[in-house]
Amino acid sequence: MILEHARFTIHPGQEQAFEDAYQRLRGTLLQAPGCRSAQLHRSAEHEGVYLLWVGWDTVAHHTDHFPETDQGKEVIATFAPFLAGADVNHFDAEPL
């Protein structure tokens, strides 16, 4: 399994709306092919910064397939207006 590590910076004043949108869309995200888990974490140090962890079967499930699915289109369209910045990386889920 692969862990998507997405660090999002949300436009000021939009934090609660973003969190609400995530809660509504989490089930949709989990229905995407290859998606195994999803967790959103609020930064303890920086206002408007979030960490989204998503477990995928493979990197390709996220990067190649997800954007073309109905689930991916809905999640991307819903999250995009909130994002002032994003940094996405993928990691092996197995600890060293």
PDB file of N, CA and C in Angstrom:
ATOM      1  N   MET A   1       0.834  -1.184   0.000  1.00  0.00           N
ATOM      2  CA  MET A   1       0.000   0.000   0.000  1.00  0.00           C
ATOM      3  C   MET A   1       0.882   1.251   0.000  1.00  0.00           C
ATOM      4  N   ILE A   2       0.352   2.295  -0.582  1.00  0.00           N
ATOM      5  CA  ILE A   2       1.033   3.586  -0.685  1.00  0.00           C
ATOM      6  C   ILE A   2       0.249   4.618   0.122  1.00  0.00           C
ATOM      7  N   LEU A   3       0.952   5.512   0.805  1.00  0.00           N
ATOM      8  CA  LEU A   3       0.308   6.615   1.512  1.00  0.00           C
ATOM      9  C   LEU A   3       0.519   7.914   0.744  1.00  0.00           C
ATOM     10  N   GLU A   4      -0.583   8.507   0.349  1.00  0.00           N
ATOM     11  CA  GLU A   4      -0.540   9.862  -0.201  1.00  0.00           C
ATOM     12  C   GLU A   4      -0.465  10.810   0.988  1.00  0.00           C
ATOM     13  N   HIS A   5       0.493  11.714   0.943  1.00  0.00           N
ATOM     14  CA  HIS A   5       0.694  12.720   1.980  1.00  0.00           C
ATOM     15  C   HIS A   5       0.472  14.065   1.298  1.00  0.00           C
ATOM     16  N   ALA A   6      -0.708  14.658   1.508  1.00  0.00           N
ATOM     17  CA  ALA A   6      -1.050  15.921   0.846  1.00  0.00           C
ATOM     18  C   ALA A   6      -1.129  17.017   1.899  1.00  0.00           C
ATOM     19  N   ARG A   7      -0.231  17.996   1.776  1.00  0.00           N
ATOM     20  CA  ARG A   7      -0.229  19.144   2.692  1.00  0.00           C
ATOM     21  C   ARG A   7      -0.965  20.276   1.994  1.00  0.00           C
ATOM     22  N   PHE A   8      -2.111  20.669   2.563  1.00  0.00           N
ATOM     23  CA  PHE A   8      -2.948  21.702   1.976  1.00  0.00           C
ATOM     24  C   PHE A   8      -2.877  22.969   2.808  1.00  0.00           C
ATOM     25  N   THR A   9      -2.776  24.100   2.138  1.00  0.00           N
ATOM     26  CA  THR A   9      -2.971  25.401   2.771  1.00  0.00           C
ATOM     27  C   THR A   9      -4.285  25.947   2.243  1.00  0.00           C
ATOM     28  N   ILE A  10      -5.173  26.284   3.156  1.00  0.00           N
ATOM     29  CA  ILE A  10      -6.529  26.706   2.826  1.00  0.00           C
ATOM     30  C   ILE A  10      -6.608  28.237   2.866  1.00  0.00           C
ATOM     31  N   HIS A  11      -7.386  28.805   1.969  1.00  0.00           N
ATOM     32  CA  HIS A  11      -7.583  30.254   1.975  1.00  0.00           C
ATOM     33  C   HIS A  11      -8.096  30.704   3.347  1.00  0.00           C
ATOM     34  N   PRO A  12      -7.570  31.807   3.881  1.00  0.00           N
ATOM     35  CA  PRO A  12      -7.990  32.288   5.208  1.00  0.00           C
ATOM     36  C   PRO A  12      -9.508  32.447   5.289  1.00  0.00           C
ATOM     37  N   GLY A  13     -10.044  32.013   6.415  1.00  0.00           N
ATOM     38  CA  GLY A  13     -11.467  32.111   6.652  1.00  0.00           C
ATOM     39  C   GLY A  13     -12.286  30.971   6.074  1.00  0.00           C
ATOM     40  N   GLN A  14     -11.638  30.061   5.344  1.00  0.00           N
ATOM     41  CA  GLN A  14     -12.345  28.955   4.701  1.00  0.00           C
ATOM     42  C   GLN A  14     -12.120  27.607   5.387  1.00  0.00           C
ATOM     43  N   GLU A  15     -11.464  27.644   6.532  1.00  0.00           N
ATOM     44  CA  GLU A  15     -11.092  26.405   7.198  1.00  0.00           C
ATOM     45  C   GLU A  15     -12.301  25.534   7.559  1.00  0.00           C
ATOM     46  N   GLN A  16     -13.300  26.105   8.193  1.00  0.00           N
ATOM     47  CA  GLN A  16     -14.458  25.311   8.609  1.00  0.00           C
ATOM     48  C   GLN A  16     -15.212  24.764   7.395  1.00  0.00           C
ATOM     49  N   ALA A  17     -15.353  25.572   6.365  1.00  0.00           N
ATOM     50  CA  ALA A  17     -16.031  25.108   5.150  1.00  0.00           C
ATOM     51  C   ALA A  17     -15.253  23.959   4.511  1.00  0.00           C
ATOM     52  N   PHE A  18     -13.916  24.039   4.527  1.00  0.00           N
ATOM     53  CA  PHE A  18     -13.089  22.955   3.989  1.00  0.00           C
ATOM     54  C   PHE A  18     -13.282  21.677   4.812  1.00  0.00           C
ATOM     55  N   GLU A  19     -13.246  21.802   6.127  1.00  0.00           N
ATOM     56  CA  GLU A  19     -13.442  20.635   6.986  1.00  0.00           C
ATOM     57  C   GLU A  19     -14.817  20.009   6.749  1.00  0.00           C
ATOM     58  N   ASP A  20     -15.834  20.851   6.613  1.00  0.00           N
ATOM     59  CA  ASP A  20     -17.184  20.345   6.340  1.00  0.00           C
ATOM     60  C   ASP A  20     -17.230  19.620   4.993  1.00  0.00           C
ATOM     61  N   ALA A  21     -16.578  20.192   3.992  1.00  0.00           N
ATOM     62  CA  ALA A  21     -16.543  19.568   2.665  1.00  0.00           C
ATOM     63  C   ALA A  21     -15.851  18.208   2.746  1.00  0.00           C
ATOM     64  N   TYR A  22     -14.747  18.132   3.481  1.00  0.00           N
ATOM     65  CA  TYR A  22     -14.059  16.847   3.641  1.00  0.00           C
ATOM     66  C   TYR A  22     -14.992  15.815   4.282  1.00  0.00           C
ATOM     67  N   GLN A  23     -15.681  16.201   5.339  1.00  0.00           N
ATOM     68  CA  GLN A  23     -16.579  15.260   6.017  1.00  0.00           C
ATOM     69  C   GLN A  23     -17.655  14.739   5.057  1.00  0.00           C
ATOM     70  N   ARG A  24     -18.183  15.612   4.217  1.00  0.00           N
ATOM     71  CA  ARG A  24     -19.200  15.197   3.240  1.00  0.00           C
ATOM     72  C   ARG A  24     -18.617  14.273   2.170  1.00  0.00           C
ATOM     73  N   LEU A  25     -17.360  14.519   1.772  1.00  0.00           N
ATOM     74  CA  LEU A  25     -16.760  13.798   0.643  1.00  0.00           C
ATOM     75  C   LEU A  25     -15.920  12.585   1.028  1.00  0.00           C
ATOM     76  N   ARG A  26     -15.655  12.401   2.299  1.00  0.00           N
ATOM     77  CA  ARG A  26     -14.791  11.295   2.712  1.00  0.00           C
ATOM     78  C   ARG A  26     -15.314   9.961   2.187  1.00  0.00           C
ATOM     79  N   GLY A  27     -16.613   9.730   2.306  1.00  0.00           N
ATOM     80  CA  GLY A  27     -17.198   8.480   1.808  1.00  0.00           C
ATOM     81  C   GLY A  27     -17.021   8.319   0.310  1.00  0.00           C
ATOM     82  N   THR A  28     -17.157   9.414  -0.410  1.00  0.00           N
ATOM     83  CA  THR A  28     -16.960   9.397  -1.866  1.00  0.00           C
ATOM     84  C   THR A  28     -15.519   9.033  -2.184  1.00  0.00           C
ATOM     85  N   LEU A  29     -14.584   9.633  -1.480  1.00  0.00           N
ATOM     86  CA  LEU A  29     -13.160   9.345  -1.679  1.00  0.00           C
ATOM     87  C   LEU A  29     -12.887   7.864  -1.424  1.00  0.00           C
ATOM     88  N   LEU A  30     -13.447   7.334  -0.359  1.00  0.00           N
ATOM     89  CA  LEU A  30     -13.207   5.930  -0.011  1.00  0.00           C
ATOM     90  C   LEU A  30     -13.814   4.954  -1.016  1.00  0.00           C
ATOM     91  N   GLN A  31     -14.746   5.414  -1.833  1.00  0.00           N
ATOM     92  CA  GLN A  31     -15.342   4.564  -2.862  1.00  0.00           C
ATOM     93  C   GLN A  31     -14.506   4.522  -4.142  1.00  0.00           C
ATOM     94  N   ALA A  32     -13.490   5.367  -4.243  1.00  0.00           N
ATOM     95  CA  ALA A  32     -12.655   5.386  -5.444  1.00  0.00           C
ATOM     96  C   ALA A  32     -11.874   4.075  -5.557  1.00  0.00           C
ATOM     97  N   PRO A  33     -11.744   3.545  -6.761  1.00  0.00           N
ATOM     98  CA  PRO A  33     -10.974   2.316  -6.944  1.00  0.00           C
ATOM     99  C   PRO A  33      -9.550   2.470  -6.408  1.00  0.00           C
ATOM    100  N   GLY A  34      -9.141   1.509  -5.591  1.00  0.00           N
ATOM    101  CA  GLY A  34      -7.788   1.506  -5.044  1.00  0.00           C
ATOM    102  C   GLY A  34      -7.618   2.304  -3.772  1.00  0.00           C
ATOM    103  N   CYS A  35      -8.635   3.033  -3.332  1.00  0.00           N
ATOM    104  CA  CYS A  35      -8.541   3.819  -2.102  1.00  0.00           C
ATOM    105  C   CYS A  35      -8.863   2.936  -0.908  1.00  0.00           C
ATOM    106  N   ARG A  36      -7.999   2.946   0.099  1.00  0.00           N
ATOM    107  CA  ARG A  36      -8.155   2.087   1.262  1.00  0.00           C
ATOM    108  C   ARG A  36      -8.447   2.837   2.556  1.00  0.00           C
ATOM    109  N   SER A  37      -8.017   4.086   2.654  1.00  0.00           N
ATOM    110  CA  SER A  37      -8.211   4.845   3.893  1.00  0.00           C
ATOM    111  C   SER A  37      -8.051   6.330   3.608  1.00  0.00           C
ATOM    112  N   ALA A  38      -8.609   7.151   4.502  1.00  0.00           N
ATOM    113  CA  ALA A  38      -8.468   8.603   4.361  1.00  0.00           C
ATOM    114  C   ALA A  38      -8.595   9.247   5.731  1.00  0.00           C
ATOM    115  N   GLN A  39      -7.651  10.125   6.044  1.00  0.00           N
ATOM    116  CA  GLN A  39      -7.652  10.861   7.306  1.00  0.00           C
ATOM    117  C   GLN A  39      -7.231  12.295   7.032  1.00  0.00           C
ATOM    118  N   LEU A  40      -7.920  13.248   7.639  1.00  0.00           N
ATOM    119  CA  LEU A  40      -7.554  14.651   7.535  1.00  0.00           C
ATOM    120  C   LEU A  40      -7.129  15.127   8.918  1.00  0.00           C
ATOM    121  N   HIS A  41      -5.983  15.831   8.971  1.00  0.00           N
ATOM    122  CA  HIS A  41      -5.446  16.334  10.228  1.00  0.00           C
ATOM    123  C   HIS A  41      -5.206  17.837  10.109  1.00  0.00           C
ATOM    124  N   ARG A  42      -5.614  18.576  11.130  1.00  0.00           N
ATOM    125  CA  ARG A  42      -5.408  20.026  11.205  1.00  0.00           C
ATOM    126  C   ARG A  42      -4.051  20.288  11.859  1.00  0.00           C
ATOM    127  N   SER A  43      -3.297  21.236  11.332  1.00  0.00           N
ATOM    128  CA  SER A  43      -2.008  21.590  11.915  1.00  0.00           C
ATOM    129  C   SER A  43      -2.203  22.155  13.324  1.00  0.00           C
ATOM    130  N   ALA A  44      -1.341  21.726  14.233  1.00  0.00           N
ATOM    131  CA  ALA A  44      -1.355  22.239  15.598  1.00  0.00           C
ATOM    132  C   ALA A  44      -0.582  23.550  15.699  1.00  0.00           C
ATOM    133  N   GLU A  45       0.143  23.915  14.634  1.00  0.00           N
ATOM    134  CA  GLU A  45       1.005  25.096  14.692  1.00  0.00           C
ATOM    135  C   GLU A  45       0.653  26.186  13.687  1.00  0.00           C
ATOM    136  N   HIS A  46       0.003  25.822  12.584  1.00  0.00           N
ATOM    137  CA  HIS A  46      -0.214  26.787  11.507  1.00  0.00           C
ATOM    138  C   HIS A  46      -1.689  26.824  11.108  1.00  0.00           C
ATOM    139  N   GLU A  47      -2.315  27.966  11.282  1.00  0.00           N
ATOM    140  CA  GLU A  47      -3.715  28.157  10.899  1.00  0.00           C
ATOM    141  C   GLU A  47      -3.887  27.891   9.408  1.00  0.00           C
ATOM    142  N   GLY A  48      -4.903  27.122   9.074  1.00  0.00           N
ATOM    143  CA  GLY A  48      -5.227  26.887   7.676  1.00  0.00           C
ATOM    144  C   GLY A  48      -4.375  25.848   6.978  1.00  0.00           C
ATOM    145  N   VAL A  49      -3.570  25.097   7.725  1.00  0.00           N
ATOM    146  CA  VAL A  49      -2.737  24.046   7.134  1.00  0.00           C
ATOM    147  C   VAL A  49      -3.278  22.686   7.581  1.00  0.00           C
ATOM    148  N   TYR A  50      -3.414  21.786   6.614  1.00  0.00           N
ATOM    149  CA  TYR A  50      -3.975  20.459   6.855  1.00  0.00           C
ATOM    150  C   TYR A  50      -3.092  19.405   6.205  1.00  0.00           C
ATOM    151  N   LEU A  51      -3.138  18.215   6.780  1.00  0.00           N
ATOM    152  CA  LEU A  51      -2.463  17.059   6.213  1.00  0.00           C
ATOM    153  C   LEU A  51      -3.523  16.010   5.902  1.00  0.00           C
ATOM    154  N   LEU A  52      -3.606  15.633   4.636  1.00  0.00           N
ATOM    155  CA  LEU A  52      -4.514  14.566   4.210  1.00  0.00           C
ATOM    156  C   LEU A  52      -3.675  13.336   3.924  1.00  0.00           C
ATOM    157  N   TRP A  53      -3.983  12.247   4.622  1.00  0.00           N
ATOM    158  CA  TRP A  53      -3.353  10.951   4.379  1.00  0.00           C
ATOM    159  C   TRP A  53      -4.380  10.066   3.700  1.00  0.00           C
ATOM    160  N   VAL A  54      -4.016   9.549   2.543  1.00  0.00           N
ATOM    161  CA  VAL A  54      -4.902   8.627   1.840  1.00  0.00           C
ATOM    162  C   VAL A  54      -4.105   7.371   1.501  1.00  0.00           C
ATOM    163  N   GLY A  55      -4.663   6.219   1.861  1.00  0.00           N
ATOM    164  CA  GLY A  55      -4.036   4.952   1.526  1.00  0.00           C
ATOM    165  C   GLY A  55      -4.533   4.474   0.167  1.00  0.00           C
ATOM    166  N   TRP A  56      -3.612   4.191  -0.734  1.00  0.00           N
ATOM    167  CA  TRP A  56      -3.932   3.701  -2.080  1.00  0.00           C
ATOM    168  C   TRP A  56      -3.236   2.365  -2.297  1.00  0.00           C
ATOM    169  N   ASP A  57      -3.837   1.526  -3.150  1.00  0.00           N
ATOM    170  CA  ASP A  57      -3.185   0.267  -3.499  1.00  0.00           C
ATOM    171  C   ASP A  57      -1.844   0.526  -4.183  1.00  0.00           C
ATOM    172  N   THR A  58      -1.821   1.497  -5.101  1.00  0.00           N
ATOM    173  CA  THR A  58      -0.599   1.846  -5.838  1.00  0.00           C
ATOM    174  C   THR A  58      -0.596   3.355  -6.085  1.00  0.00           C
ATOM    175  N   VAL A  59       0.552   3.892  -6.436  1.00  0.00           N
ATOM    176  CA  VAL A  59       0.638   5.308  -6.817  1.00  0.00           C
ATOM    177  C   VAL A  59      -0.263   5.569  -8.018  1.00  0.00           C
ATOM    178  N   ALA A  60      -0.278   4.646  -8.971  1.00  0.00           N
ATOM    179  CA  ALA A  60      -1.083   4.821 -10.186  1.00  0.00           C
ATOM    180  C   ALA A  60      -2.571   4.945  -9.872  1.00  0.00           C
ATOM    181  N   HIS A  61      -3.054   4.255  -8.840  1.00  0.00           N
ATOM    182  CA  HIS A  61      -4.470   4.396  -8.477  1.00  0.00           C
ATOM    183  C   HIS A  61      -4.789   5.857  -8.170  1.00  0.00           C
ATOM    184  N   HIS A  62      -3.843   6.553  -7.554  1.00  0.00           N
ATOM    185  CA  HIS A  62      -4.076   7.968  -7.239  1.00  0.00           C
ATOM    186  C   HIS A  62      -3.788   8.874  -8.432  1.00  0.00           C
ATOM    187  N   THR A  63      -2.613   8.741  -8.999  1.00  0.00           N
ATOM    188  CA  THR A  63      -2.169   9.710 -10.004  1.00  0.00           C
ATOM    189  C   THR A  63      -2.766   9.490 -11.386  1.00  0.00           C
ATOM    190  N   ASP A  64      -2.958   8.245 -11.780  1.00  0.00           N
ATOM    191  CA  ASP A  64      -3.435   7.952 -13.134  1.00  0.00           C
ATOM    192  C   ASP A  64      -4.939   7.704 -13.207  1.00  0.00           C
ATOM    193  N   HIS A  65      -5.478   6.995 -12.229  1.00  0.00           N
ATOM    194  CA  HIS A  65      -6.874   6.564 -12.310  1.00  0.00           C
ATOM    195  C   HIS A  65      -7.843   7.496 -11.585  1.00  0.00           C
ATOM    196  N   PHE A  66      -7.507   7.896 -10.363  1.00  0.00           N
ATOM    197  CA  PHE A  66      -8.421   8.684  -9.536  1.00  0.00           C
ATOM    198  C   PHE A  66      -8.944   9.945 -10.225  1.00  0.00           C
ATOM    199  N   PRO A  67      -8.098  10.759 -10.862  1.00  0.00           N
ATOM    200  CA  PRO A  67      -8.626  11.991 -11.474  1.00  0.00           C
ATOM    201  C   PRO A  67      -9.683  11.748 -12.552  1.00  0.00           C
ATOM    202  N   GLU A  68      -9.703  10.565 -13.153  1.00  0.00           N
ATOM    203  CA  GLU A  68     -10.648  10.255 -14.228  1.00  0.00           C
ATOM    204  C   GLU A  68     -11.944   9.626 -13.723  1.00  0.00           C
ATOM    205  N   THR A  69     -11.995   9.241 -12.446  1.00  0.00           N
ATOM    206  CA  THR A  69     -13.198   8.609 -11.902  1.00  0.00           C
ATOM    207  C   THR A  69     -14.220   9.673 -11.509  1.00  0.00           C
ATOM    208  N   ASP A  70     -15.468   9.253 -11.381  1.00  0.00           N
ATOM    209  CA  ASP A  70     -16.505  10.167 -10.889  1.00  0.00           C
ATOM    210  C   ASP A  70     -16.151  10.680  -9.499  1.00  0.00           C
ATOM    211  N   GLN A  71     -15.613   9.797  -8.658  1.00  0.00           N
ATOM    212  CA  GLN A  71     -15.226  10.193  -7.308  1.00  0.00           C
ATOM    213  C   GLN A  71     -14.120  11.247  -7.350  1.00  0.00           C
ATOM    214  N   GLY A  72     -13.122  11.005  -8.176  1.00  0.00           N
ATOM    215  CA  GLY A  72     -12.005  11.932  -8.288  1.00  0.00           C
ATOM    216  C   GLY A  72     -12.451  13.295  -8.786  1.00  0.00           C
ATOM    217  N   LYS A  73     -13.283  13.302  -9.794  1.00  0.00           N
ATOM    218  CA  LYS A  73     -13.769  14.573 -10.336  1.00  0.00           C
ATOM    219  C   LYS A  73     -14.529  15.366  -9.281  1.00  0.00           C
ATOM    220  N   GLU A  74     -15.347  14.666  -8.492  1.00  0.00           N
ATOM    221  CA  GLU A  74     -16.120  15.347  -7.450  1.00  0.00           C
ATOM    222  C   GLU A  74     -15.216  15.891  -6.339  1.00  0.00           C
ATOM    223  N   VAL A  75     -14.278  15.078  -5.873  1.00  0.00           N
ATOM    224  CA  VAL A  75     -13.372  15.511  -4.806  1.00  0.00           C
ATOM    225  C   VAL A  75     -12.517  16.684  -5.270  1.00  0.00           C
ATOM    226  N   ILE A  76     -11.943  16.584  -6.444  1.00  0.00           N
ATOM    227  CA  ILE A  76     -11.074  17.648  -6.962  1.00  0.00           C
ATOM    228  C   ILE A  76     -11.856  18.947  -7.148  1.00  0.00           C
ATOM    229  N   ALA A  77     -13.034  18.862  -7.736  1.00  0.00           N
ATOM    230  CA  ALA A  77     -13.839  20.063  -7.973  1.00  0.00           C
ATOM    231  C   ALA A  77     -14.271  20.716  -6.662  1.00  0.00           C
ATOM    232  N   THR A  78     -14.547  19.912  -5.657  1.00  0.00           N
ATOM    233  CA  THR A  78     -14.992  20.452  -4.374  1.00  0.00           C
ATOM    234  C   THR A  78     -13.837  21.068  -3.593  1.00  0.00           C
ATOM    235  N   PHE A  79     -12.691  20.426  -3.583  1.00  0.00           N
ATOM    236  CA  PHE A  79     -11.551  20.922  -2.806  1.00  0.00           C
ATOM    237  C   PHE A  79     -10.838  22.104  -3.462  1.00  0.00           C
ATOM    238  N   ALA A  80     -10.785  22.150  -4.774  1.00  0.00           N
ATOM    239  CA  ALA A  80      -9.979  23.143  -5.493  1.00  0.00           C
ATOM    240  C   ALA A  80     -10.216  24.584  -5.047  1.00  0.00           C
ATOM    241  N   PRO A  81     -11.444  25.045  -4.879  1.00  0.00           N
ATOM    242  CA  PRO A  81     -11.638  26.452  -4.500  1.00  0.00           C
ATOM    243  C   PRO A  81     -11.078  26.820  -3.121  1.00  0.00           C
ATOM    244  N   PHE A  82     -10.883  25.837  -2.258  1.00  0.00           N
ATOM    245  CA  PHE A  82     -10.361  26.094  -0.917  1.00  0.00           C
ATOM    246  C   PHE A  82      -8.838  26.227  -0.882  1.00  0.00           C
ATOM    247  N   LEU A  83      -8.168  25.683  -1.888  1.00  0.00           N
ATOM    248  CA  LEU A  83      -6.717  25.516  -1.818  1.00  0.00           C
ATOM    249  C   LEU A  83      -5.942  26.759  -2.233  1.00  0.00           C
ATOM    250  N   ALA A  84      -5.155  27.257  -1.290  1.00  0.00           N
ATOM    251  CA  ALA A  84      -4.198  28.311  -1.590  1.00  0.00           C
ATOM    252  C   ALA A  84      -2.855  27.697  -1.976  1.00  0.00           C
ATOM    253  N   GLY A  85      -2.650  26.449  -1.598  1.00  0.00           N
ATOM    254  CA  GLY A  85      -1.426  25.731  -1.934  1.00  0.00           C
ATOM    255  C   GLY A  85      -1.562  24.268  -1.588  1.00  0.00           C
ATOM    256  N   ALA A  86      -0.802  23.440  -2.293  1.00  0.00           N
ATOM    257  CA  ALA A  86      -0.825  22.000  -2.041  1.00  0.00           C
ATOM    258  C   ALA A  86       0.523  21.394  -2.393  1.00  0.00           C
ATOM    259  N   ASP A  87       0.940  20.438  -1.601  1.00  0.00           N
ATOM    260  CA  ASP A  87       2.163  19.683  -1.855  1.00  0.00           C
ATOM    261  C   ASP A  87       1.818  18.221  -1.621  1.00  0.00           C
ATOM    262  N   VAL A  88       1.940  17.394  -2.662  1.00  0.00           N
ATOM    263  CA  VAL A  88       1.522  15.998  -2.582  1.00  0.00           C
ATOM    264  C   VAL A  88       2.716  15.093  -2.847  1.00  0.00           C
ATOM    265  N   ASN A  89       2.884  14.112  -1.963  1.00  0.00           N
ATOM    266  CA  ASN A  89       3.938  13.109  -2.100  1.00  0.00           C
ATOM    267  C   ASN A  89       3.348  11.744  -1.779  1.00  0.00           C
ATOM    268  N   HIS A  90       4.032  10.702  -2.223  1.00  0.00           N
ATOM    269  CA  HIS A  90       3.604   9.324  -1.959  1.00  0.00           C
ATOM    270  C   HIS A  90       4.725   8.583  -1.243  1.00  0.00           C
ATOM    271  N   PHE A  91       4.314   7.767  -0.270  1.00  0.00           N
ATOM    272  CA  PHE A  91       5.274   7.046   0.552  1.00  0.00           C
ATOM    273  C   PHE A  91       4.871   5.585   0.658  1.00  0.00           C
ATOM    274  N   ASP A  92       5.857   4.705   0.826  1.00  0.00           N
ATOM    275  CA  ASP A  92       5.596   3.317   1.137  1.00  0.00           C
ATOM    276  C   ASP A  92       4.924   3.253   2.497  1.00  0.00           C
ATOM    277  N   ALA A  93       3.835   2.528   2.620  1.00  0.00           N
ATOM    278  CA  ALA A  93       3.103   2.445   3.877  1.00  0.00           C
ATOM    279  C   ALA A  93       3.827   1.582   4.907  1.00  0.00           C
ATOM    280  N   GLU A  94       4.709   0.710   4.447  1.00  0.00           N
ATOM    281  CA  GLU A  94       5.429  -0.158   5.364  1.00  0.00           C
ATOM    282  C   GLU A  94       6.521   0.629   6.078  1.00  0.00           C
ATOM    283  N   PRO A  95       6.497   0.662   7.416  1.00  0.00           N
ATOM    284  CA  PRO A  95       7.553   1.365   8.140  1.00  0.00           C
ATOM    285  C   PRO A  95       8.904   0.667   7.981  1.00  0.00           C
ATOM    286  N   LEU A  96       9.934   1.425   8.096  1.00  0.00           N
ATOM    287  CA  LEU A  96      11.300   0.866   7.997  1.00  0.00           C
ATOM    288  C   LEU A  96      11.721   0.264   9.314  1.00  0.00           C
TER     289      LEU A  96
END
